[in-house]
């Protein structure tokens, strides 16, 4: 008998597997994506072209074209919140990238196997903490009377600071908490990039030069750029939608000190109940995120050959 011959049992088709079986496996994921992502986006897009105030149902929800977009683009408060969000972004991102790169370079050094394993596990903890919990932790840390921040300052002779009741203090507090939560993410991304550097090339470069800066610039940086691009894209999108942590800590105050764009959109949509305007603001943020992402990819991303 030929080796290629098959038994009748092997030739019999599997009755549990049909042409539609792969689709049944994909259906839950596709349905979840549609319900959570695609449908809300379509609803927001349609709503942005209507006068949609749920406190006035008798007026209906008439189509008004681009009126909501015009109102948003001429709203000074919208631009103030967007500029504050940009200020927050350019404050936290350099700190997170610098600290994350420093941590990644330390963990990339040879040796210290157990310590490096413990450090990797520790880095996951802030990432696994939800935004609302981070906000609660921030309220405890920066509490004027019993917060850890003021306790630490008192050791050096500084008086208590009312962090969450002053504009500069509240902004600094949300910056510190965001840096604490997202620096480990940057470190892990950069560590993954460093692990892609061929060992023989890195070792040869170490023998050629004793300058760590030259090693980083000429050997390791090309492998870090894809990760840096991913970090900047993800952080841009995350900062534009950052809500839970800031809302729990400061609710956008005091005054408008921490009134990021997501806080302002929430106030327009769920306090004024003007869902048409809030949807237009959200769609503009989506467009802005796409533009920023494309710019990052064009300017920073490089393939390593």
C-alpha atoms as a PDB file:
ATOM      1  CA  UNK A   1       0.000   0.000   0.000  1.00  0.00           C
ATOM      2  CA  UNK A   2       1.277   3.465  -0.830  1.00  0.00           C
ATOM      3  CA  UNK A   3       2.382   5.747   1.999  1.00  0.00           C
ATOM      4  CA  UNK A   4       0.164   8.468   0.621  1.00  0.00           C
ATOM      5  CA  UNK A   5      -2.980   6.380   0.878  1.00  0.00           C
ATOM      6  CA  UNK A   6      -5.446   7.438   3.533  1.00  0.00           C
ATOM      7  CA  UNK A   7      -7.955   5.432   5.484  1.00  0.00           C
ATOM      8  CA  UNK A   8     -11.718   5.977   5.091  1.00  0.00           C
ATOM      9  CA  UNK A   9     -11.795   7.572   8.543  1.00  0.00           C
ATOM     10  CA  UNK A  10      -9.198  10.134   7.455  1.00  0.00           C
ATOM     11  CA  UNK A  11     -11.085  10.918   4.224  1.00  0.00           C
ATOM     12  CA  UNK A  12     -14.404  11.395   6.050  1.00  0.00           C
ATOM     13  CA  UNK A  13     -15.183  15.119   6.464  1.00  0.00           C
ATOM     14  CA  UNK A  14     -15.491  16.553   9.960  1.00  0.00           C
ATOM     15  CA  UNK A  15     -19.212  16.990  10.549  1.00  0.00           C
ATOM     16  CA  UNK A  16     -18.569  19.720  13.162  1.00  0.00           C
ATOM     17  CA  UNK A  17     -16.659  21.916  10.740  1.00  0.00           C
ATOM     18  CA  UNK A  18     -18.328  23.600   7.809  1.00  0.00           C
ATOM     19  CA  UNK A  19     -17.900  26.519   5.478  1.00  0.00           C
ATOM     20  CA  UNK A  20     -19.437  28.936   8.016  1.00  0.00           C
ATOM     21  CA  UNK A  21     -17.468  27.702  11.034  1.00  0.00           C
ATOM     22  CA  UNK A  22     -14.721  30.386  10.841  1.00  0.00           C
ATOM     23  CA  UNK A  23     -17.389  33.079  10.678  1.00  0.00           C
ATOM     24  CA  UNK A  24     -19.012  31.783  13.871  1.00  0.00           C
ATOM     25  CA  UNK A  25     -15.664  32.092  15.640  1.00  0.00           C
ATOM     26  CA  UNK A  26     -15.221  35.651  14.345  1.00  0.00           C
ATOM     27  CA  UNK A  27     -18.798  36.758  15.021  1.00  0.00           C
ATOM     28  CA  UNK A  28     -18.455  37.541  18.780  1.00  0.00           C
ATOM     29  CA  UNK A  29     -15.387  39.737  18.224  1.00  0.00           C
ATOM     30  CA  UNK A  30     -16.942  41.522  15.235  1.00  0.00           C
ATOM     31  CA  UNK A  31     -20.223  42.057  17.104  1.00  0.00           C
ATOM     32  CA  UNK A  32     -18.397  43.426  20.147  1.00  0.00           C
ATOM     33  CA  UNK A  33     -16.340  45.778  17.955  1.00  0.00           C
ATOM     34  CA  UNK A  34     -19.496  47.001  16.244  1.00  0.00           C
ATOM     35  CA  UNK A  35     -21.412  47.597  19.486  1.00  0.00           C
ATOM     36  CA  UNK A  36     -18.543  49.248  21.374  1.00  0.00           C
ATOM     37  CA  UNK A  37     -16.656  51.056  18.607  1.00  0.00           C
ATOM     38  CA  UNK A  38     -18.331  51.356  15.228  1.00  0.00           C
ATOM     39  CA  UNK A  39     -21.944  52.062  16.207  1.00  0.00           C
ATOM     40  CA  UNK A  40     -21.116  54.844  18.744  1.00  0.00           C
ATOM     41  CA  UNK A  41     -18.877  56.515  16.163  1.00  0.00           C
ATOM     42  CA  UNK A  42     -21.614  56.417  13.512  1.00  0.00           C
ATOM     43  CA  UNK A  43     -24.171  57.664  16.054  1.00  0.00           C
ATOM     44  CA  UNK A  44     -21.884  60.551  17.077  1.00  0.00           C
ATOM     45  CA  UNK A  45     -21.282  61.458  13.427  1.00  0.00           C
ATOM     46  CA  UNK A  46     -25.025  61.532  12.654  1.00  0.00           C
ATOM     47  CA  UNK A  47     -25.817  63.399  15.887  1.00  0.00           C
ATOM     48  CA  UNK A  48     -23.190  66.044  15.146  1.00  0.00           C
ATOM     49  CA  UNK A  49     -25.312  67.252  12.214  1.00  0.00           C
ATOM     50  CA  UNK A  50     -28.472  67.610  14.315  1.00  0.00           C
ATOM     51  CA  UNK A  51     -29.785  69.870  17.047  1.00  0.00           C
ATOM     52  CA  UNK A  52     -29.839  67.118  19.643  1.00  0.00           C
ATOM     53  CA  UNK A  53     -30.720  68.343  23.134  1.00  0.00           C
ATOM     54  CA  UNK A  54     -32.348  65.569  25.153  1.00  0.00           C
ATOM     55  CA  UNK A  55     -33.904  68.056  27.601  1.00  0.00           C
ATOM     56  CA  UNK A  56     -36.084  69.413  24.761  1.00  0.00           C
ATOM     57  CA  UNK A  57     -37.592  66.343  23.119  1.00  0.00           C
ATOM     58  CA  UNK A  58     -40.639  68.271  21.896  1.00  0.00           C
ATOM     59  CA  UNK A  59     -38.442  70.316  19.578  1.00  0.00           C
ATOM     60  CA  UNK A  60     -37.271  67.134  17.895  1.00  0.00           C
ATOM     61  CA  UNK A  61     -33.802  66.562  16.519  1.00  0.00           C
ATOM     62  CA  UNK A  62     -33.733  68.507  13.240  1.00  0.00           C
ATOM     63  CA  UNK A  63     -30.874  68.341  10.751  1.00  0.00           C
ATOM     64  CA  UNK A  64     -28.858  71.573  10.904  1.00  0.00           C
ATOM     65  CA  UNK A  65     -25.865  70.778   8.707  1.00  0.00           C
ATOM     66  CA  UNK A  66     -22.507  72.093   9.933  1.00  0.00           C
ATOM     67  CA  UNK A  67     -23.972  74.524  12.479  1.00  0.00           C
ATOM     68  CA  UNK A  68     -22.646  72.505  15.438  1.00  0.00           C
ATOM     69  CA  UNK A  69     -19.162  72.442  13.920  1.00  0.00           C
ATOM     70  CA  UNK A  70     -19.235  76.194  13.357  1.00  0.00           C
ATOM     71  CA  UNK A  71     -20.327  76.743  16.962  1.00  0.00           C
ATOM     72  CA  UNK A  72     -17.519  74.508  18.218  1.00  0.00           C
ATOM     73  CA  UNK A  73     -14.829  76.163  16.104  1.00  0.00           C
ATOM     74  CA  UNK A  74     -15.920  79.609  17.306  1.00  0.00           C
ATOM     75  CA  UNK A  75     -16.160  78.559  20.973  1.00  0.00           C
ATOM     76  CA  UNK A  76     -13.318  80.127  22.964  1.00  0.00           C
ATOM     77  CA  UNK A  77     -13.772  77.675  25.842  1.00  0.00           C
ATOM     78  CA  UNK A  78     -13.268  74.748  23.467  1.00  0.00           C
ATOM     79  CA  UNK A  79      -9.976  76.199  22.240  1.00  0.00           C
ATOM     80  CA  UNK A  80      -8.861  77.003  25.805  1.00  0.00           C
ATOM     81  CA  UNK A  81      -9.492  73.394  26.857  1.00  0.00           C
ATOM     82  CA  UNK A  82      -7.710  72.094  23.760  1.00  0.00           C
ATOM     83  CA  UNK A  83      -4.679  74.320  24.444  1.00  0.00           C
ATOM     84  CA  UNK A  84      -4.631  73.156  28.072  1.00  0.00           C
ATOM     85  CA  UNK A  85      -4.702  69.553  26.835  1.00  0.00           C
ATOM     86  CA  UNK A  86      -1.771  70.319  24.518  1.00  0.00           C
ATOM     87  CA  UNK A  87       0.107  71.858  27.455  1.00  0.00           C
ATOM     88  CA  UNK A  88      -0.559  68.731  29.501  1.00  0.00           C
ATOM     89  CA  UNK A  89       0.649  66.530  26.633  1.00  0.00           C
ATOM     90  CA  UNK A  90       3.910  68.395  26.022  1.00  0.00           C
ATOM     91  CA  UNK A  91       4.540  68.333  29.774  1.00  0.00           C
ATOM     92  CA  UNK A  92       4.009  64.635  30.471  1.00  0.00           C
ATOM     93  CA  UNK A  93       5.336  63.056  27.260  1.00  0.00           C
ATOM     94  CA  UNK A  94       8.993  64.204  27.468  1.00  0.00           C
ATOM     95  CA  UNK A  95       9.145  63.134  31.124  1.00  0.00           C
ATOM     96  CA  UNK A  96       7.642  59.725  30.375  1.00  0.00           C
ATOM     97  CA  UNK A  97       9.898  59.142  27.359  1.00  0.00           C
ATOM     98  CA  UNK A  98      13.044  60.198  29.231  1.00  0.00           C
ATOM     99  CA  UNK A  99      12.288  58.160  32.362  1.00  0.00           C
ATOM    100  CA  UNK A 100      11.056  55.196  30.325  1.00  0.00           C
ATOM    101  CA  UNK A 101      14.206  55.196  28.205  1.00  0.00           C
ATOM    102  CA  UNK A 102      16.416  55.418  31.303  1.00  0.00           C
ATOM    103  CA  UNK A 103      14.616  52.482  32.922  1.00  0.00           C
ATOM    104  CA  UNK A 104      14.794  50.437  29.703  1.00  0.00           C
ATOM    105  CA  UNK A 105      18.537  51.053  29.353  1.00  0.00           C
ATOM    106  CA  UNK A 106      19.101  49.991  32.973  1.00  0.00           C
ATOM    107  CA  UNK A 107      17.103  46.798  32.489  1.00  0.00           C
ATOM    108  CA  UNK A 108      18.898  46.116  29.199  1.00  0.00           C
ATOM    109  CA  UNK A 109      22.282  45.888  30.904  1.00  0.00           C
ATOM    110  CA  UNK A 110      23.665  42.342  31.270  1.00  0.00           C
ATOM    111  CA  UNK A 111      23.433  40.678  34.657  1.00  0.00           C
ATOM    112  CA  UNK A 112      21.062  41.272  37.598  1.00  0.00           C
ATOM    113  CA  UNK A 113      18.672  38.592  36.374  1.00  0.00           C
ATOM    114  CA  UNK A 114      16.433  38.363  39.448  1.00  0.00           C
ATOM    115  CA  UNK A 115      16.337  42.127  39.953  1.00  0.00           C
ATOM    116  CA  UNK A 116      15.403  42.688  36.316  1.00  0.00           C
ATOM    117  CA  UNK A 117      12.603  40.124  36.538  1.00  0.00           C
ATOM    118  CA  UNK A 118      11.192  41.802  39.645  1.00  0.00           C
ATOM    119  CA  UNK A 119      11.438  45.206  37.952  1.00  0.00           C
ATOM    120  CA  UNK A 120       9.497  43.966  34.914  1.00  0.00           C
ATOM    121  CA  UNK A 121       6.721  42.655  37.157  1.00  0.00           C
ATOM    122  CA  UNK A 122       6.656  45.919  39.103  1.00  0.00           C
ATOM    123  CA  UNK A 123       6.340  47.949  35.904  1.00  0.00           C
ATOM    124  CA  UNK A 124       3.082  46.207  35.058  1.00  0.00           C
ATOM    125  CA  UNK A 125       1.337  47.352  38.267  1.00  0.00           C
ATOM    126  CA  UNK A 126       0.621  50.990  37.229  1.00  0.00           C
ATOM    127  CA  UNK A 127      -0.567  49.826  33.809  1.00  0.00           C
ATOM    128  CA  UNK A 128      -3.000  47.378  35.408  1.00  0.00           C
ATOM    129  CA  UNK A 129      -4.490  50.128  37.578  1.00  0.00           C
ATOM    130  CA  UNK A 130      -7.658  51.672  36.176  1.00  0.00           C
ATOM    131  CA  UNK A 131      -7.888  55.433  35.637  1.00  0.00           C
ATOM    132  CA  UNK A 132     -10.516  55.920  38.331  1.00  0.00           C
ATOM    133  CA  UNK A 133      -8.373  54.105  40.899  1.00  0.00           C
ATOM    134  CA  UNK A 134      -5.363  56.212  39.877  1.00  0.00           C
ATOM    135  CA  UNK A 135      -7.513  59.284  40.523  1.00  0.00           C
ATOM    136  CA  UNK A 136      -8.478  58.011  43.975  1.00  0.00           C
ATOM    137  CA  UNK A 137      -4.827  57.286  44.766  1.00  0.00           C
ATOM    138  CA  UNK A 138      -3.982  60.810  43.611  1.00  0.00           C
ATOM    139  CA  UNK A 139      -6.589  62.331  45.912  1.00  0.00           C
ATOM    140  CA  UNK A 140      -5.051  60.471  48.847  1.00  0.00           C
ATOM    141  CA  UNK A 141      -1.454  61.309  47.934  1.00  0.00           C
ATOM    142  CA  UNK A 142      -2.131  65.033  47.449  1.00  0.00           C
ATOM    143  CA  UNK A 143      -4.552  65.508  50.329  1.00  0.00           C
ATOM    144  CA  UNK A 144      -3.558  68.627  52.256  1.00  0.00           C
ATOM    145  CA  UNK A 145      -3.946  67.174  55.750  1.00  0.00           C
ATOM    146  CA  UNK A 146      -2.773  63.566  55.549  1.00  0.00           C
ATOM    147  CA  UNK A 147      -1.390  63.149  52.021  1.00  0.00           C
ATOM    148  CA  UNK A 148       1.932  61.437  51.398  1.00  0.00           C
ATOM    149  CA  UNK A 149       3.161  64.347  49.249  1.00  0.00           C
ATOM    150  CA  UNK A 150       2.930  66.872  52.080  1.00  0.00           C
ATOM    151  CA  UNK A 151       4.364  64.369  54.549  1.00  0.00           C
ATOM    152  CA  UNK A 152       7.414  63.984  52.300  1.00  0.00           C
ATOM    153  CA  UNK A 153       7.775  67.755  51.924  1.00  0.00           C
ATOM    154  CA  UNK A 154       7.606  68.249  55.688  1.00  0.00           C
ATOM    155  CA  UNK A 155      10.773  66.167  56.064  1.00  0.00           C
ATOM    156  CA  UNK A 156      12.629  68.915  54.153  1.00  0.00           C
ATOM    157  CA  UNK A 157      10.979  71.684  56.143  1.00  0.00           C
ATOM    158  CA  UNK A 158       8.381  72.751  53.599  1.00  0.00           C
ATOM    159  CA  UNK A 159       4.905  73.600  54.779  1.00  0.00           C
ATOM    160  CA  UNK A 160       1.760  71.805  53.591  1.00  0.00           C
ATOM    161  CA  UNK A 161       0.643  72.606  50.059  1.00  0.00           C
ATOM    162  CA  UNK A 162      -3.028  72.651  49.176  1.00  0.00           C
ATOM    163  CA  UNK A 163      -2.391  70.738  45.960  1.00  0.00           C
ATOM    164  CA  UNK A 164      -5.925  70.192  44.700  1.00  0.00           C
ATOM    165  CA  UNK A 165      -7.248  73.642  45.623  1.00  0.00           C
ATOM    166  CA  UNK A 166      -4.741  75.745  43.680  1.00  0.00           C
ATOM    167  CA  UNK A 167      -4.463  75.930  39.914  1.00  0.00           C
ATOM    168  CA  UNK A 168      -0.752  75.174  39.640  1.00  0.00           C
ATOM    169  CA  UNK A 169      -0.919  72.494  42.335  1.00  0.00           C
ATOM    170  CA  UNK A 170      -3.845  70.676  40.714  1.00  0.00           C
ATOM    171  CA  UNK A 171      -2.191  70.705  37.294  1.00  0.00           C
ATOM    172  CA  UNK A 172       1.073  69.422  38.787  1.00  0.00           C
ATOM    173  CA  UNK A 173      -0.833  66.684  40.631  1.00  0.00           C
ATOM    174  CA  UNK A 174      -2.485  65.258  37.508  1.00  0.00           C
ATOM    175  CA  UNK A 175       0.849  65.475  35.668  1.00  0.00           C
ATOM    176  CA  UNK A 176       2.586  63.459  38.396  1.00  0.00           C
ATOM    177  CA  UNK A 177      -0.112  60.788  38.455  1.00  0.00           C
ATOM    178  CA  UNK A 178      -0.106  60.448  34.666  1.00  0.00           C
ATOM    179  CA  UNK A 179       3.684  60.148  34.640  1.00  0.00           C
ATOM    180  CA  UNK A 180       3.484  57.472  37.343  1.00  0.00           C
ATOM    181  CA  UNK A 181       0.947  55.449  35.377  1.00  0.00           C
ATOM    182  CA  UNK A 182       2.442  55.659  31.871  1.00  0.00           C
ATOM    183  CA  UNK A 183       6.215  55.772  32.384  1.00  0.00           C
ATOM    184  CA  UNK A 184       6.290  51.947  32.834  1.00  0.00           C
ATOM    185  CA  UNK A 185       4.488  51.580  29.497  1.00  0.00           C
ATOM    186  CA  UNK A 186       7.193  53.613  27.763  1.00  0.00           C
ATOM    187  CA  UNK A 187       9.877  51.588  29.540  1.00  0.00           C
ATOM    188  CA  UNK A 188       8.427  48.269  28.409  1.00  0.00           C
ATOM    189  CA  UNK A 189       8.057  49.468  24.807  1.00  0.00           C
ATOM    190  CA  UNK A 190      11.645  50.721  24.716  1.00  0.00           C
ATOM    191  CA  UNK A 191      12.889  47.540  26.386  1.00  0.00           C
ATOM    192  CA  UNK A 192      11.209  45.517  23.633  1.00  0.00           C
ATOM    193  CA  UNK A 193      12.960  47.695  21.039  1.00  0.00           C
ATOM    194  CA  UNK A 194      16.345  47.229  22.705  1.00  0.00           C
ATOM    195  CA  UNK A 195      15.848  43.474  22.746  1.00  0.00           C
ATOM    196  CA  UNK A 196      15.640  43.589  18.924  1.00  0.00           C
ATOM    197  CA  UNK A 197      19.184  44.962  18.587  1.00  0.00           C
ATOM    198  CA  UNK A 198      21.446  42.124  17.325  1.00  0.00           C
ATOM    199  CA  UNK A 199      23.779  41.106  20.108  1.00  0.00           C
ATOM    200  CA  UNK A 200      26.895  40.891  17.939  1.00  0.00           C
ATOM    201  CA  UNK A 201      26.360  44.402  16.544  1.00  0.00           C
ATOM    202  CA  UNK A 202      25.845  45.860  19.998  1.00  0.00           C
ATOM    203  CA  UNK A 203      28.883  44.046  21.393  1.00  0.00           C
ATOM    204  CA  UNK A 204      31.062  45.225  18.507  1.00  0.00           C
ATOM    205  CA  UNK A 205      29.891  48.792  19.058  1.00  0.00           C
ATOM    206  CA  UNK A 206      30.740  48.555  22.762  1.00  0.00           C
ATOM    207  CA  UNK A 207      34.269  47.501  21.819  1.00  0.00           C
ATOM    208  CA  UNK A 208      34.586  50.359  19.321  1.00  0.00           C
ATOM    209  CA  UNK A 209      33.496  53.135  21.660  1.00  0.00           C
ATOM    210  CA  UNK A 210      33.089  53.702  25.363  1.00  0.00           C
ATOM    211  CA  UNK A 211      30.503  56.437  24.822  1.00  0.00           C
ATOM    212  CA  UNK A 212      27.042  55.264  25.843  1.00  0.00           C
ATOM    213  CA  UNK A 213      25.532  58.238  24.021  1.00  0.00           C
ATOM    214  CA  UNK A 214      27.179  57.208  20.750  1.00  0.00           C
ATOM    215  CA  UNK A 215      25.990  53.628  21.256  1.00  0.00           C
ATOM    216  CA  UNK A 216      22.451  54.853  21.838  1.00  0.00           C
ATOM    217  CA  UNK A 217      22.460  57.224  18.885  1.00  0.00           C
ATOM    218  CA  UNK A 218      24.059  55.066  16.204  1.00  0.00           C
ATOM    219  CA  UNK A 219      23.134  51.505  17.198  1.00  0.00           C
ATOM    220  CA  UNK A 220      20.110  51.409  19.495  1.00  0.00           C
ATOM    221  CA  UNK A 221      18.095  54.426  18.315  1.00  0.00           C
ATOM    222  CA  UNK A 222      17.007  52.920  14.946  1.00  0.00           C
ATOM    223  CA  UNK A 223      15.431  50.029  16.858  1.00  0.00           C
ATOM    224  CA  UNK A 224      13.774  52.427  19.318  1.00  0.00           C
ATOM    225  CA  UNK A 225      12.089  54.661  16.718  1.00  0.00           C
ATOM    226  CA  UNK A 226       9.179  52.280  15.907  1.00  0.00           C
ATOM    227  CA  UNK A 227       8.442  51.974  19.628  1.00  0.00           C
ATOM    228  CA  UNK A 228       8.741  55.736  20.102  1.00  0.00           C
ATOM    229  CA  UNK A 229       6.278  56.268  17.260  1.00  0.00           C
ATOM    230  CA  UNK A 230       3.818  53.853  18.882  1.00  0.00           C
ATOM    231  CA  UNK A 231       4.222  55.562  22.261  1.00  0.00           C
ATOM    232  CA  UNK A 232       3.545  59.011  20.823  1.00  0.00           C
ATOM    233  CA  UNK A 233       0.503  57.855  18.838  1.00  0.00           C
ATOM    234  CA  UNK A 234      -1.032  55.985  21.770  1.00  0.00           C
ATOM    235  CA  UNK A 235      -0.305  58.748  24.259  1.00  0.00           C
ATOM    236  CA  UNK A 236      -1.734  61.401  21.925  1.00  0.00           C
ATOM    237  CA  UNK A 237      -4.994  59.488  21.618  1.00  0.00           C
ATOM    238  CA  UNK A 238      -5.023  58.719  25.335  1.00  0.00           C
ATOM    239  CA  UNK A 239      -4.442  62.324  26.455  1.00  0.00           C
ATOM    240  CA  UNK A 240      -7.199  63.598  24.159  1.00  0.00           C
ATOM    241  CA  UNK A 241      -9.669  61.200  25.790  1.00  0.00           C
ATOM    242  CA  UNK A 242      -8.253  61.313  29.325  1.00  0.00           C
ATOM    243  CA  UNK A 243     -11.249  61.735  31.620  1.00  0.00           C
ATOM    244  CA  UNK A 244     -11.573  59.318  34.554  1.00  0.00           C
ATOM    245  CA  UNK A 245      -8.401  60.161  36.443  1.00  0.00           C
ATOM    246  CA  UNK A 246      -8.775  63.924  36.112  1.00  0.00           C
ATOM    247  CA  UNK A 247     -12.499  63.882  36.899  1.00  0.00           C
ATOM    248  CA  UNK A 248     -11.993  61.835  40.067  1.00  0.00           C
ATOM    249  CA  UNK A 249      -9.096  64.000  41.257  1.00  0.00           C
ATOM    250  CA  UNK A 250     -10.212  67.533  40.406  1.00  0.00           C
ATOM    251  CA  UNK A 251     -13.412  67.447  38.305  1.00  0.00           C
ATOM    252  CA  UNK A 252     -11.674  69.922  36.014  1.00  0.00           C
ATOM    253  CA  UNK A 253     -10.993  72.454  38.748  1.00  0.00           C
ATOM    254  CA  UNK A 254     -10.143  74.530  40.555  1.00  0.00           C
ATOM    255  CA  UNK A 255     -11.662  76.938  38.071  1.00  0.00           C
ATOM    256  CA  UNK A 256     -10.496  75.663  34.693  1.00  0.00           C
ATOM    257  CA  UNK A 257      -6.987  74.631  35.797  1.00  0.00           C
ATOM    258  CA  UNK A 258      -7.474  70.989  34.803  1.00  0.00           C
ATOM    259  CA  UNK A 259     -10.395  71.401  32.409  1.00  0.00           C
ATOM    260  CA  UNK A 260      -8.987  69.136  29.705  1.00  0.00           C
ATOM    261  CA  UNK A 261     -10.880  68.769  26.453  1.00  0.00           C
ATOM    262  CA  UNK A 262     -12.510  65.487  27.496  1.00  0.00           C
ATOM    263  CA  UNK A 263     -13.802  67.111  30.699  1.00  0.00           C
ATOM    264  CA  UNK A 264     -15.286  69.964  28.684  1.00  0.00           C
ATOM    265  CA  UNK A 265     -16.960  67.616  26.203  1.00  0.00           C
ATOM    266  CA  UNK A 266     -18.467  65.628  29.089  1.00  0.00           C
ATOM    267  CA  UNK A 267     -19.830  68.830  30.598  1.00  0.00           C
ATOM    268  CA  UNK A 268     -21.408  69.921  27.311  1.00  0.00           C
ATOM    269  CA  UNK A 269     -22.910  66.485  26.645  1.00  0.00           C
ATOM    270  CA  UNK A 270     -24.023  65.354  30.093  1.00  0.00           C
ATOM    271  CA  UNK A 271     -24.596  68.547  32.064  1.00  0.00           C
ATOM    272  CA  UNK A 272     -25.924  70.880  29.389  1.00  0.00           C
ATOM    273  CA  UNK A 273     -27.221  67.820  27.507  1.00  0.00           C
ATOM    274  CA  UNK A 274     -26.317  69.314  24.139  1.00  0.00           C
ATOM    275  CA  UNK A 275     -25.358  66.025  22.502  1.00  0.00           C
ATOM    276  CA  UNK A 276     -25.162  67.561  19.034  1.00  0.00           C
ATOM    277  CA  UNK A 277     -22.399  69.977  20.007  1.00  0.00           C
ATOM    278  CA  UNK A 278     -20.616  67.357  22.129  1.00  0.00           C
ATOM    279  CA  UNK A 279     -20.693  64.907  19.217  1.00  0.00           C
ATOM    280  CA  UNK A 280     -19.228  67.530  16.882  1.00  0.00           C
ATOM    281  CA  UNK A 281     -16.427  68.138  19.389  1.00  0.00           C
ATOM    282  CA  UNK A 282     -15.745  64.412  19.632  1.00  0.00           C
ATOM    283  CA  UNK A 283     -15.625  63.994  15.840  1.00  0.00           C
ATOM    284  CA  UNK A 284     -13.176  66.910  15.565  1.00  0.00           C
ATOM    285  CA  UNK A 285     -10.966  65.230  18.186  1.00  0.00           C
ATOM    286  CA  UNK A 286     -11.091  61.991  16.202  1.00  0.00           C
ATOM    287  CA  UNK A 287      -9.969  63.833  13.068  1.00  0.00           C
ATOM    288  CA  UNK A 288      -7.208  65.564  15.048  1.00  0.00           C
ATOM    289  CA  UNK A 289      -6.001  62.219  16.413  1.00  0.00           C
ATOM    290  CA  UNK A 290      -5.818  60.722  12.915  1.00  0.00           C
ATOM    291  CA  UNK A 291      -3.865  63.729  11.607  1.00  0.00           C
ATOM    292  CA  UNK A 292      -1.398  63.630  14.510  1.00  0.00           C
ATOM    293  CA  UNK A 293      -0.903  59.885  14.081  1.00  0.00           C
ATOM    294  CA  UNK A 294      -0.162  60.252  10.379  1.00  0.00           C
ATOM    295  CA  UNK A 295       2.346  63.018  11.117  1.00  0.00           C
ATOM    296  CA  UNK A 296       4.140  60.878  13.688  1.00  0.00           C
ATOM    297  CA  UNK A 297       4.346  57.953  11.288  1.00  0.00           C
ATOM    298  CA  UNK A 298       5.667  60.146   8.482  1.00  0.00           C
ATOM    299  CA  UNK A 299       8.225  62.007  10.616  1.00  0.00           C
ATOM    300  CA  UNK A 300       9.443  59.362  13.068  1.00  0.00           C
ATOM    301  CA  UNK A 301       8.772  55.848  11.850  1.00  0.00           C
ATOM    302  CA  UNK A 302      11.661  54.132  10.129  1.00  0.00           C
ATOM    303  CA  UNK A 303      11.979  50.506   9.069  1.00  0.00           C
ATOM    304  CA  UNK A 304      15.078  48.721  10.384  1.00  0.00           C
ATOM    305  CA  UNK A 305      16.687  46.633   7.648  1.00  0.00           C
END
